[in-house]
Protein backbone atom coordinates (compact mmCIF):
# COMPACT_ATOMS: atom_id res chain seq x y z
CA MET A 1 116.06 51.87 74.98
CA ARG A 2 119.54 52.19 76.45
CA LYS A 3 121.73 49.26 75.40
CA LEU A 4 123.66 47.14 77.86
CA HIS A 5 126.91 48.60 79.19
CA SER A 6 129.01 45.99 77.42
CA THR A 7 132.13 45.74 75.33
CA VAL A 8 132.03 45.53 71.55
CA VAL A 9 132.39 41.79 72.01
CA PHE A 10 128.87 41.57 73.42
CA ALA A 11 127.42 43.54 70.56
CA LEU A 12 128.78 40.84 68.27
CA LEU A 13 127.55 37.98 70.38
CA ALA A 14 124.03 39.25 70.13
CA LEU A 15 123.63 37.83 66.64
CA ALA A 16 122.60 34.35 65.49
CA PRO A 17 120.18 32.61 63.14
CA ALA A 18 116.91 30.76 63.47
CA LEU A 19 114.02 28.50 62.39
CA LEU A 20 114.03 25.25 64.16
CA GLU A 21 111.55 22.82 62.77
CA ALA A 22 112.73 19.42 61.49
CA GLN A 23 116.28 19.97 62.67
CA PRO A 24 118.29 17.20 64.42
CA LEU A 25 119.16 19.27 67.50
CA ALA A 26 119.95 16.54 70.03
CA GLY A 27 119.13 17.07 73.69
CA GLY A 28 121.54 16.96 76.61
CA GLY A 29 124.00 19.05 78.54
CA VAL A 30 127.42 20.30 77.47
CA GLN A 31 130.14 22.62 78.75
CA PHE A 32 131.92 25.32 76.75
CA THR A 33 135.23 27.05 77.44
CA VAL A 34 135.33 30.74 76.47
CA PHE A 35 138.58 32.20 75.12
CA LEU A 36 139.45 35.85 74.55
CA ARG A 37 142.62 36.50 72.53
CA GLY A 38 143.52 32.86 73.05
CA THR A 39 143.28 33.01 76.84
CA PRO A 40 140.55 31.05 78.67
CA VAL A 41 138.35 33.49 80.59
CA GLY A 42 135.54 31.26 81.80
CA VAL A 43 133.05 28.44 81.20
CA GLU A 44 129.41 28.10 80.26
CA GLU A 45 127.06 25.20 80.97
CA THR A 46 124.24 24.65 78.46
CA THR A 47 121.43 22.08 78.37
CA VAL A 48 119.04 21.47 75.47
CA THR A 49 115.70 19.82 76.32
CA ARG A 50 113.25 18.68 73.64
CA SER A 51 109.64 17.69 74.26
CA ALA A 52 106.29 17.59 72.49
CA ASP A 53 105.79 21.20 73.59
CA GLY A 54 108.96 22.46 71.94
CA LEU A 55 112.55 23.19 72.87
CA VAL A 56 114.14 24.80 75.92
CA ILE A 57 117.77 25.92 76.29
CA THR A 58 118.95 26.51 79.85
CA GLY A 59 122.33 27.32 81.30
CA THR A 60 124.72 29.25 83.49
CA SER A 61 128.08 30.91 82.92
CA ARG A 62 130.92 32.60 84.72
CA LEU A 63 133.37 34.71 82.69
CA GLY A 64 136.25 36.55 84.31
CA PRO A 65 138.04 39.80 83.35
CA PRO A 66 137.93 41.62 81.06
CA LEU A 67 134.40 40.36 80.22
CA GLU A 68 133.15 40.02 83.81
CA VAL A 69 129.87 38.22 83.18
CA ILE A 70 127.97 35.94 85.55
CA VAL A 71 124.80 34.22 84.36
CA ARG A 72 123.05 32.51 87.25
CA GLN A 73 120.03 31.51 85.20
CA ALA A 74 119.33 31.57 81.47
CA GLU A 75 116.32 30.11 79.66
CA ILE A 76 115.35 30.38 76.00
CA LYS A 77 112.10 28.77 74.78
CA TYR A 78 110.64 27.79 71.38
CA ASP A 79 107.32 26.10 70.66
CA ALA A 80 106.93 22.82 68.77
CA SER A 81 106.87 24.61 65.40
CA GLY A 82 110.12 26.45 66.10
CA ALA A 83 108.53 29.81 66.89
CA PRO A 84 110.36 31.79 69.62
CA LEU A 85 108.48 32.23 72.89
CA SER A 86 110.73 33.84 75.49
CA CYS A 87 114.23 34.61 76.70
CA PHE A 88 115.23 35.16 80.33
CA VAL A 89 118.71 35.94 81.69
CA GLU A 90 119.54 36.78 85.31
CA GLY A 91 123.03 37.55 86.53
CA SER A 92 125.54 40.39 86.52
CA LEU A 93 127.58 42.32 83.97
CA ARG A 94 130.70 44.12 85.19
CA GLN A 95 129.44 43.70 88.77
CA ARG A 96 126.08 45.35 87.96
CA GLN A 97 122.94 43.30 88.58
CA LEU A 98 121.30 42.29 85.28
CA VAL A 99 117.84 40.87 84.58
CA LEU A 100 116.60 40.60 80.98
CA SER A 101 113.18 39.18 80.15
CA THR A 102 111.78 38.99 76.62
CA THR A 103 108.33 37.69 75.69
CA VAL A 104 107.18 37.11 72.11
CA GLU A 105 103.54 37.48 71.11
CA GLY A 106 102.82 37.21 67.43
CA THR A 107 105.20 39.57 65.60
CA THR A 108 106.08 41.65 68.67
CA ALA A 109 108.92 41.01 71.13
CA THR A 110 108.75 42.95 74.40
CA THR A 111 111.83 43.18 76.60
CA ASP A 112 112.07 44.31 80.21
CA LEU A 113 115.63 45.14 81.26
CA ALA A 114 116.95 45.87 84.73
CA GLU A 115 120.64 46.82 84.82
CA GLY A 116 121.86 48.11 88.15
CA THR A 117 119.32 50.69 89.25
CA SER A 118 118.09 51.37 85.70
CA ARG A 119 114.79 49.94 84.40
CA SER A 120 113.45 50.02 80.85
CA ARG A 121 110.96 48.37 78.48
CA GLN A 122 111.32 48.09 74.72
CA ALA A 123 109.11 46.53 72.03
CA HIS A 124 110.33 45.51 68.55
CA GLU A 125 108.92 43.77 65.56
CA ILE A 126 110.23 40.22 65.26
CA ALA A 127 110.35 38.05 62.13
CA PRO A 128 108.51 34.71 62.20
CA GLY A 129 110.80 31.93 63.39
CA ALA A 130 113.63 34.27 64.40
CA VAL A 131 116.22 33.02 66.86
CA LEU A 132 116.36 34.62 70.29
CA LEU A 133 119.94 35.21 71.28
CA SER A 134 120.94 37.03 74.44
CA SER A 135 123.94 39.34 74.22
CA VAL A 136 125.47 37.86 77.39
CA TYR A 137 124.66 34.15 77.05
CA PHE A 138 126.03 31.92 74.28
CA GLY A 139 123.60 29.00 74.62
CA GLY A 140 121.30 30.40 71.95
CA HIS A 141 123.94 29.52 69.37
CA GLU A 142 122.79 25.93 69.72
CA VAL A 143 119.84 26.91 67.54
CA LEU A 144 122.21 28.50 65.06
CA ALA A 145 124.13 25.25 64.83
CA ALA A 146 120.96 23.25 64.17
CA ARG A 147 119.67 25.63 61.49
CA LEU A 148 122.87 25.79 59.51
CA LEU A 149 122.93 22.08 58.69
CA ASP A 150 120.38 22.38 55.88
CA ARG A 151 121.35 25.85 54.67
CA LYS A 152 123.37 26.73 51.60
CA GLU A 153 125.66 29.63 50.83
CA GLY A 154 123.75 32.87 50.34
CA ASP A 155 120.75 31.91 52.50
CA GLU A 156 119.54 34.49 55.02
CA ILE A 157 118.20 33.63 58.47
CA PRO A 158 116.24 36.10 60.65
CA VAL A 159 117.65 36.94 64.07
CA TYR A 160 116.27 38.80 67.06
CA VAL A 161 118.49 40.26 69.79
CA PRO A 162 116.42 40.73 72.95
CA GLY A 163 116.13 44.42 73.69
CA GLN A 164 118.17 45.48 70.66
CA GLY A 165 116.17 44.54 67.58
CA GLN A 166 116.25 42.43 64.46
CA ALA A 167 119.32 41.24 62.58
CA THR A 168 120.16 38.92 59.70
CA ALA A 169 122.59 36.04 59.43
CA ARG A 170 123.91 35.49 55.91
CA VAL A 171 125.27 31.98 55.37
CA GLY A 172 128.69 31.75 53.75
CA PRO A 173 130.81 28.82 52.54
CA ALA A 174 131.15 25.69 54.65
CA THR A 175 133.90 23.10 55.05
CA ASP A 176 134.15 19.74 56.77
CA GLU A 177 136.35 19.42 59.85
CA ARG A 178 137.69 16.51 61.90
CA ILE A 179 138.80 16.93 65.51
CA GLN A 180 140.54 14.08 67.30
CA THR A 181 139.65 14.12 71.01
CA SER A 182 140.50 11.77 73.86
CA SER A 183 137.10 10.08 73.43
CA GLY A 184 137.12 9.77 69.65
CA MET A 185 136.79 11.66 66.38
CA VAL A 186 134.37 14.60 66.20
CA LYS A 187 133.11 15.30 62.68
CA ALA A 188 131.90 18.86 62.22
CA ARG A 189 130.80 21.32 59.56
CA ARG A 190 132.37 24.78 59.79
CA PHE A 191 130.22 27.63 58.42
CA ARG A 192 131.17 31.20 57.71
CA VAL A 193 128.31 33.43 58.85
CA ALA A 194 128.09 37.17 58.22
CA LEU A 195 126.01 38.82 60.94
CA GLU A 196 124.29 42.03 59.86
CA GLN A 197 122.63 44.52 62.20
CA GLU A 198 121.99 48.24 61.84
CA GLY A 199 124.24 48.52 58.79
CA LYS A 200 127.18 46.75 60.41
CA THR A 201 128.52 43.36 59.37
CA THR A 202 130.51 41.01 61.58
CA ASP A 203 132.13 37.84 60.23
CA THR A 204 131.95 34.76 62.41
CA GLU A 205 132.46 31.02 62.23
CA VAL A 206 130.02 28.43 63.56
CA TRP A 207 130.95 24.75 63.87
CA VAL A 208 128.20 22.14 64.18
CA ASP A 209 128.48 18.37 64.70
CA ASP A 210 126.38 15.67 63.05
CA GLN A 211 123.92 15.77 65.98
CA GLY A 212 123.11 19.38 65.25
CA ARG A 213 124.96 20.58 68.36
CA LEU A 214 127.25 23.57 68.60
CA VAL A 215 130.96 22.72 68.63
CA ARG A 216 132.48 26.18 68.34
CA PHE A 217 131.51 29.80 67.78
CA SER A 218 134.14 32.42 66.87
CA ALA A 219 133.84 36.19 66.52
CA ILE A 220 136.96 36.50 64.43
CA SER A 221 137.93 40.16 64.66
CA GLN A 222 137.29 40.11 68.42
CA THR A 223 139.47 36.97 68.82
CA LEU A 224 136.64 35.51 70.89
CA ASP A 225 136.04 31.75 70.80
CA VAL A 226 133.37 29.67 72.55
CA VAL A 227 134.57 26.06 72.27
CA ARG A 228 132.99 22.85 73.49
CA THR A 229 135.24 21.71 76.31
CA ASP A 230 136.06 18.28 74.84
CA VAL A 231 137.28 20.01 71.68
CA ALA A 232 139.09 22.74 73.65
CA SER A 233 141.00 20.14 75.69
CA VAL A 234 144.77 20.08 75.29
CA SER A 235 144.44 16.46 74.17
CA ALA A 236 142.26 17.43 71.19
CA ARG A 237 143.66 18.15 67.76
CA ARG A 238 141.97 19.44 64.65
CA GLU A 239 143.16 17.74 61.48
CA ALA A 240 143.39 20.90 59.38
CA VAL A 241 145.93 19.67 56.80
CA THR A 242 146.75 16.05 56.03
CA ARG A 243 148.89 14.45 53.33
CA PRO A 244 149.27 10.86 52.16
CA GLY A 245 152.12 9.29 54.09
CA ASP A 246 152.07 11.77 56.99
CA GLU A 247 153.74 10.23 60.04
CA SER A 248 152.71 10.93 63.61
CA LEU A 249 155.68 11.62 65.88
CA ARG A 250 156.11 11.26 69.64
CA ILE A 251 159.29 13.13 70.55
CA PRO A 252 160.91 12.88 73.99
CA ALA A 253 161.54 16.28 75.58
CA HIS A 254 162.51 17.35 79.11
CA GLY A 255 160.09 15.31 81.21
CA PHE A 256 157.26 15.12 78.67
CA THR A 257 156.50 14.13 75.09
CA ILE A 258 156.05 16.42 72.10
CA ALA A 259 153.46 15.36 69.52
CA GLY A 260 154.08 16.24 65.91
CA THR A 261 153.57 15.39 62.25
CA LEU A 262 156.24 14.58 59.67
CA SER A 263 155.27 15.28 56.05
CA ARG A 264 157.17 13.71 53.17
CA PRO A 265 157.76 14.70 49.55
CA PRO A 266 155.40 12.97 47.13
CA GLY A 267 156.77 9.77 45.66
CA GLU A 268 160.16 9.84 47.40
CA ALA A 269 161.91 8.28 44.41
CA ASP A 270 164.95 7.20 46.41
CA LYS A 271 163.54 5.62 49.54
CA GLY A 272 166.98 5.11 51.07
CA ALA A 273 168.17 8.70 50.66
CA LYS A 274 168.87 11.01 53.57
CA MET A 275 166.76 14.08 53.03
CA PRO A 276 166.94 17.77 53.92
CA THR A 277 164.60 18.51 56.82
CA ILE A 278 162.77 21.59 58.11
CA VAL A 279 161.34 22.04 61.62
CA LEU A 280 158.46 24.53 61.80
CA VAL A 281 158.09 26.48 65.05
CA GLY A 282 154.74 28.15 65.59
CA SER A 283 153.87 31.17 67.68
CA ILE A 284 153.20 30.83 71.39
CA GLY A 285 149.55 30.52 72.37
CA VAL A 286 146.58 28.19 71.96
CA THR A 287 147.21 27.31 68.31
CA ASP A 288 148.37 23.77 67.61
CA ARG A 289 150.89 22.47 65.10
CA ASP A 290 148.91 23.84 62.12
CA GLU A 291 148.89 27.45 63.45
CA LEU A 292 145.25 27.97 62.56
CA ARG A 293 144.38 31.67 62.35
CA ALA A 294 141.24 33.16 60.82
CA GLY A 295 140.49 29.75 59.33
CA ILE A 296 143.92 29.51 57.68
CA PRO A 297 146.24 26.66 58.83
CA ILE A 298 149.43 28.63 58.25
CA LEU A 299 152.03 26.06 59.31
CA GLY A 300 149.96 23.20 57.90
CA GLN A 301 150.01 24.83 54.49
CA LEU A 302 153.70 25.72 54.79
CA ALA A 303 154.49 22.10 55.65
CA SER A 304 152.57 20.78 52.67
CA ALA A 305 154.18 23.20 50.19
CA LEU A 306 157.71 22.61 51.50
CA ALA A 307 157.19 18.85 51.41
CA ASP A 308 156.11 19.18 47.78
CA ALA A 309 159.38 21.07 47.21
CA GLY A 310 161.39 18.03 48.34
CA TYR A 311 161.84 18.44 52.10
CA LEU A 312 160.93 16.38 55.11
CA VAL A 313 158.90 18.82 57.22
CA VAL A 314 158.05 18.52 60.90
CA ARG A 315 155.49 20.63 62.73
CA TYR A 316 154.48 20.02 66.32
CA ASP A 317 152.17 21.07 69.14
CA GLN A 318 153.83 23.41 71.61
CA ARG A 319 154.18 22.10 75.16
CA GLY A 320 150.85 22.02 76.96
CA ILE A 321 148.95 22.44 73.68
CA GLY A 322 147.13 19.88 71.54
CA GLN A 323 148.56 16.41 72.06
CA SER A 324 151.90 17.51 73.56
CA GLY A 325 152.60 17.14 77.26
CA GLY A 326 154.29 19.63 79.54
CA ARG A 327 152.98 22.80 81.11
CA ALA A 328 152.73 26.09 79.27
CA GLU A 329 151.95 28.38 82.21
CA SER A 330 155.49 28.24 83.61
CA ALA A 331 157.36 28.20 80.29
CA GLU A 332 159.41 31.04 78.82
CA ILE A 333 161.20 31.61 75.52
CA GLY A 334 164.27 29.64 76.58
CA ASP A 335 162.12 26.62 77.51
CA TYR A 336 160.42 26.64 74.14
CA ALA A 337 163.85 26.88 72.49
CA GLU A 338 164.92 23.74 74.34
CA ASP A 339 161.84 21.99 72.93
CA VAL A 340 163.05 22.91 69.43
CA ARG A 341 166.42 21.39 70.25
CA SER A 342 164.69 18.21 71.45
CA VAL A 343 162.95 17.93 68.08
CA VAL A 344 166.23 18.47 66.22
CA ARG A 345 168.04 15.82 68.32
CA PHE A 346 165.22 13.36 67.63
CA LEU A 347 165.37 13.97 63.89
CA ARG A 348 169.16 13.64 63.66
CA LYS A 349 168.82 10.03 64.86
CA ARG A 350 166.51 9.08 62.00
CA LYS A 351 167.93 7.22 59.01
CA ASP A 352 165.97 9.34 56.52
CA VAL A 353 167.26 12.70 57.81
CA ASP A 354 170.45 14.30 56.49
CA ARG A 355 172.05 15.59 59.71
CA GLU A 356 173.93 18.29 57.78
CA ARG A 357 170.75 19.67 56.22
CA VAL A 358 168.42 20.44 59.13
CA ALA A 359 166.81 23.89 59.16
CA VAL A 360 164.51 25.56 61.67
CA LEU A 361 161.77 27.97 60.59
CA GLY A 362 160.06 30.19 63.16
CA TYR A 363 156.79 32.04 62.53
CA ASP A 364 155.71 35.12 64.50
CA TYR A 365 156.88 34.74 68.13
CA GLY A 366 158.04 31.27 67.08
CA GLY A 367 160.78 33.18 65.25
CA SER A 368 162.08 34.45 68.59
CA VAL A 369 162.08 30.86 69.85
CA ALA A 370 163.82 29.57 66.72
CA LEU A 371 166.39 32.37 66.94
CA THR A 372 167.19 31.39 70.54
CA ALA A 373 167.45 27.70 69.61
CA ALA A 374 169.82 28.43 66.71
CA ALA A 375 172.00 30.58 68.98
CA ARG A 376 172.37 27.57 71.30
CA ASP A 377 172.62 24.69 68.85
CA GLY A 378 175.06 24.21 65.99
CA ASP A 379 173.16 21.13 64.84
CA ILE A 380 170.67 23.58 63.35
CA LYS A 381 172.24 24.35 59.97
CA ALA A 382 169.99 27.17 58.70
CA LEU A 383 167.52 29.61 60.24
CA VAL A 384 164.38 31.07 58.63
CA LEU A 385 162.53 33.89 60.41
CA VAL A 386 159.03 34.50 59.06
CA ALA A 387 156.87 37.45 60.17
CA THR A 388 159.05 37.71 63.27
CA PRO A 389 159.40 40.67 65.67
CA GLY A 390 162.63 42.57 65.18
CA MET A 391 162.82 44.66 68.35
CA ALA A 392 163.22 44.14 72.07
CA GLY A 393 160.08 42.80 73.74
CA GLY A 394 159.38 45.83 75.92
CA GLU A 395 159.52 48.13 72.91
CA LEU A 396 157.38 45.72 70.88
CA VAL A 397 154.57 45.68 73.46
CA LEU A 398 154.48 49.48 73.57
CA GLU A 399 154.55 49.71 69.77
CA GLN A 400 151.54 47.40 69.56
CA GLN A 401 149.77 49.34 72.32
CA ARG A 402 150.25 52.63 70.46
CA ALA A 403 149.01 51.06 67.21
CA ALA A 404 145.85 49.81 68.91
CA LEU A 405 145.20 53.16 70.56
CA ALA A 406 145.64 55.00 67.27
CA LYS A 407 142.50 53.26 66.02
CA MET A 408 140.42 54.34 69.03
CA ASP A 409 138.43 57.53 69.33
CA LEU A 410 139.88 58.55 72.69
CA PRO A 411 141.26 61.82 74.04
CA GLU A 412 145.03 62.08 73.79
CA ALA A 413 145.26 62.29 77.57
CA GLU A 414 143.47 58.94 77.92
CA LYS A 415 145.73 57.33 75.31
CA GLN A 416 148.78 58.54 77.20
CA ARG A 417 147.33 57.26 80.48
CA ARG A 418 147.00 53.79 78.99
CA ILE A 419 150.52 53.85 77.61
CA ASP A 420 151.85 54.93 81.01
CA LEU A 421 149.91 52.08 82.63
CA GLN A 422 151.40 49.60 80.16
CA GLN A 423 154.88 50.86 80.98
CA ARG A 424 154.21 50.37 84.70
CA ILE A 425 152.93 46.85 84.02
CA ASN A 426 156.03 46.03 81.99
CA GLU A 427 158.30 47.30 84.76
CA ALA A 428 156.40 45.34 87.42
CA VAL A 429 156.60 42.12 85.37
CA VAL A 430 160.37 42.48 84.89
CA THR A 431 161.34 43.72 88.37
CA GLY A 432 158.59 42.25 90.54
CA ARG A 433 158.03 45.68 92.09
CA GLY A 434 155.17 48.15 91.72
CA TRP A 435 152.28 45.69 91.55
CA ASP A 436 150.41 47.75 94.15
CA GLN A 437 149.92 50.36 91.38
CA ILE A 438 148.42 47.83 88.94
CA PRO A 439 144.75 46.73 88.87
CA PRO A 440 144.51 43.10 90.14
CA ALA A 441 142.82 41.83 86.96
CA MET A 442 145.66 43.19 84.81
CA ARG A 443 148.25 41.70 87.13
CA GLN A 444 146.57 38.32 86.77
CA GLN A 445 146.87 38.53 82.99
CA ALA A 446 150.40 39.94 82.84
CA GLU A 447 152.25 38.08 85.59
CA SER A 448 153.58 35.06 83.69
CA GLU A 449 156.96 33.59 82.79
CA TRP A 450 156.16 33.86 79.09
CA PHE A 451 155.36 37.58 79.26
CA ARG A 452 158.40 38.29 81.44
CA SER A 453 160.66 36.49 78.97
CA LEU A 454 159.07 38.38 76.07
CA LEU A 455 159.68 41.75 77.72
CA THR A 456 163.32 40.94 78.41
CA PHE A 457 163.98 39.29 75.04
CA ASP A 458 166.36 41.16 72.75
CA PRO A 459 166.73 39.67 69.24
CA ALA A 460 169.91 41.67 68.66
CA GLU A 461 171.66 39.94 71.56
CA GLN A 462 170.57 36.50 70.39
CA MET A 463 171.51 37.20 66.77
CA LYS A 464 175.12 37.88 67.79
CA LYS A 465 175.40 34.22 68.82
CA VAL A 466 173.90 32.80 65.61
CA ARG A 467 176.46 31.44 63.15
CA GLN A 468 173.98 29.88 60.71
CA PRO A 469 172.80 31.38 57.42
CA VAL A 470 169.66 33.45 58.00
CA LEU A 471 166.65 34.08 55.77
CA VAL A 472 164.19 36.79 56.84
CA VAL A 473 160.74 36.62 55.20
CA HIS A 474 157.99 39.18 55.71
CA GLY A 475 154.73 40.16 54.08
CA GLY A 476 154.74 43.56 52.45
CA LEU A 477 151.23 44.21 53.80
CA ASP A 478 151.90 42.94 57.34
CA ALA A 479 149.96 45.40 59.54
CA GLU A 480 150.54 43.41 62.74
CA LEU A 481 154.31 43.67 62.45
CA GLY A 482 155.46 46.27 59.94
CA THR A 483 158.27 45.50 57.51
CA HIS A 484 160.64 47.54 59.67
CA HIS A 485 160.86 44.42 61.85
CA ALA A 486 162.23 42.42 58.92
CA ASP A 487 164.68 45.20 58.05
CA ALA A 488 165.92 45.23 61.64
CA LEU A 489 166.40 41.46 61.79
CA ALA A 490 168.30 41.42 58.50
CA SER A 491 170.55 44.25 59.69
CA MET A 492 171.27 42.35 62.91
CA ALA A 493 172.17 39.24 60.93
CA GLU A 494 174.41 41.18 58.54
CA ALA A 495 176.22 42.84 61.46
CA ARG A 496 177.56 39.48 62.68
CA LYS A 497 181.22 38.67 62.34
CA GLN A 498 182.20 37.27 58.98
CA PRO A 499 181.52 34.91 57.34
CA ALA A 500 178.18 34.59 59.17
CA GLY A 501 177.20 38.16 58.29
CA GLU A 502 177.49 37.38 54.59
CA LYS A 503 174.96 34.55 54.76
CA VAL A 504 171.83 36.65 55.00
CA LYS A 505 168.87 37.21 52.72
CA LEU A 506 165.86 39.48 53.22
CA THR A 507 162.65 38.77 51.31
CA VAL A 508 159.61 41.05 51.56
CA VAL A 509 156.72 39.55 49.59
CA PRO A 510 154.43 42.21 48.08
CA GLY A 511 150.71 41.99 48.70
CA VAL A 512 151.01 39.47 51.55
CA ASN A 513 149.83 40.03 55.15
CA HIS A 514 150.91 38.66 58.54
CA LEU A 515 149.06 35.40 57.84
CA LEU A 516 151.25 34.99 54.73
CA VAL A 517 148.25 35.12 52.38
CA PRO A 518 147.40 37.66 49.67
CA ALA A 519 145.48 40.61 51.12
CA ARG A 520 144.04 43.99 50.22
CA ASP A 521 145.22 46.15 53.14
CA GLY A 522 146.77 43.66 55.57
CA THR A 523 144.84 44.82 58.63
CA VAL A 524 143.49 42.50 61.30
CA ASP A 525 139.97 43.67 60.47
CA GLU A 526 140.40 42.12 57.03
CA TYR A 527 141.22 38.64 58.39
CA ALA A 528 137.58 37.63 58.76
CA SER A 529 137.06 37.90 55.00
CA LEU A 530 140.09 35.73 54.12
CA GLY A 531 138.75 32.31 55.14
CA GLY A 532 139.88 29.67 52.67
CA ALA A 533 142.90 31.69 51.54
CA SER A 534 146.23 29.90 51.05
CA VAL A 535 149.76 30.82 52.01
CA SER A 536 151.32 32.65 49.08
CA PRO A 537 153.40 30.42 46.76
CA GLU A 538 155.93 33.26 46.64
CA VAL A 539 156.56 32.71 50.35
CA THR A 540 157.01 28.94 50.15
CA SER A 541 158.95 28.84 46.88
CA GLY A 542 161.33 31.51 48.14
CA ILE A 543 162.03 29.56 51.33
CA ALA A 544 162.53 26.28 49.46
CA ALA A 545 164.87 27.85 46.90
CA TRP A 546 166.99 29.62 49.53
CA LEU A 547 167.39 26.48 51.61
CA GLY A 548 168.37 24.56 48.50
CA GLU A 549 171.11 27.07 47.77
CA VAL A 550 172.36 27.11 51.36
CA PHE A 551 172.46 23.33 51.68
CA ALA A 552 174.13 22.95 48.28
CA ALA A 553 176.82 25.47 49.23
CA ALA A 554 177.44 23.68 52.53
CA LYS A 555 178.21 20.44 50.68
CA LYS A 556 180.95 22.01 48.57
């Protein structure tokens, strides 16, 4: 049978586990928000109905570009013992009419598929109790959530993908999570699940609440997240890293309030002392103050380690994210830099903060923000740039585009066509002209203040204005941003007029990737296997030691 004309994302979504009996899968309706690469692309409505006859999952969805999926009707049925009965999905995929109907009789699943003008029928063997999971509808993951609650690491669960065949879900380690929402605390269990089909393995995460309902599903390497809308809300915050004595902060900014966390050194022997302080600036996107990526709370772990090293450490939700107010859609790099300055002004008024020992650390694109803030504000006494781009934004976007294309099996002419298109998009974003040559869906994604400011951002120009000491830290295995970015930033800092140009240090940590954790090859494909990893102590100890030296020298 010919498979659906879908992206690789859909091939991954077609996997999930099964067996239903005796599981506390609560009934009721819920809405999910679907994110691709951190950007919301649509919503899905799902309802679970239990009765003496069994369980029925129904729903609809509408996902915009680049997925382009509409599900007008979906229905998945199981009998009272948990045996799968049928799966029906009617809608469209990339503007092609789609009807998929699977019926299970005994150990045989028969699927009729109509896609556009094409019609086909396929029969497969199906394992007893296997989960039915459509490749274009996420509601079937509710069964996955229910089944995982009583499973242990190493267990295998049979899966059936309508029209595509059998698969296996291998249960990995699980951790407890707490998410604070506007309506209360959601307690969840986060499972790592390896999905295996036709010799290929895909690592995912599945979050389930204490009612057996799905909270979140993530296909990690595809940066695809299906998140229950209450948890996806900007007012929700996952408590990824907490320390005794952590203090919640509400910081006044320009017309809104920034929410953050202040972490303290353990013990604090001298309670009346003014302490050195570090402000952590995360990348721009949907991540909150902990900068959670691939299950690793990067800034949360940095904050904890630096607090242990004797610093007050503040991390915060970017505007429009988590519990912070403001609007992200109209913000650009300069606006985010002003938010950093608001945090610094707030801290300098505190009795426990040494005003002459306040540093700002920027991670990833947060480094560009921190660099801009330091160029504007002399109250920032030291600058740390971690895994930060070291070239002009327009060049950076093209570099990343070429790196992505190098991994694709495409003709050279097609690769060049895509690069040329990206160049036209960049020019249209910066100048406002030429949009008539750009596909509307791509214009919708690209036309934003943030992207415009990224394309026009030049770290060399900002670095000329920075008078503070600068530490550049980079992972030696960073495949997202090669170490040439760190070299470039350090060279820019050294080129400043003296004495500023003398106050520079470059640290490349061997064996560490873009997430700042030990890795084998540093590629994005490896991230899914790194869940539970910790930020390298070489990264945190190097930052703490350098700041100690800089602050000590400033006091002389």
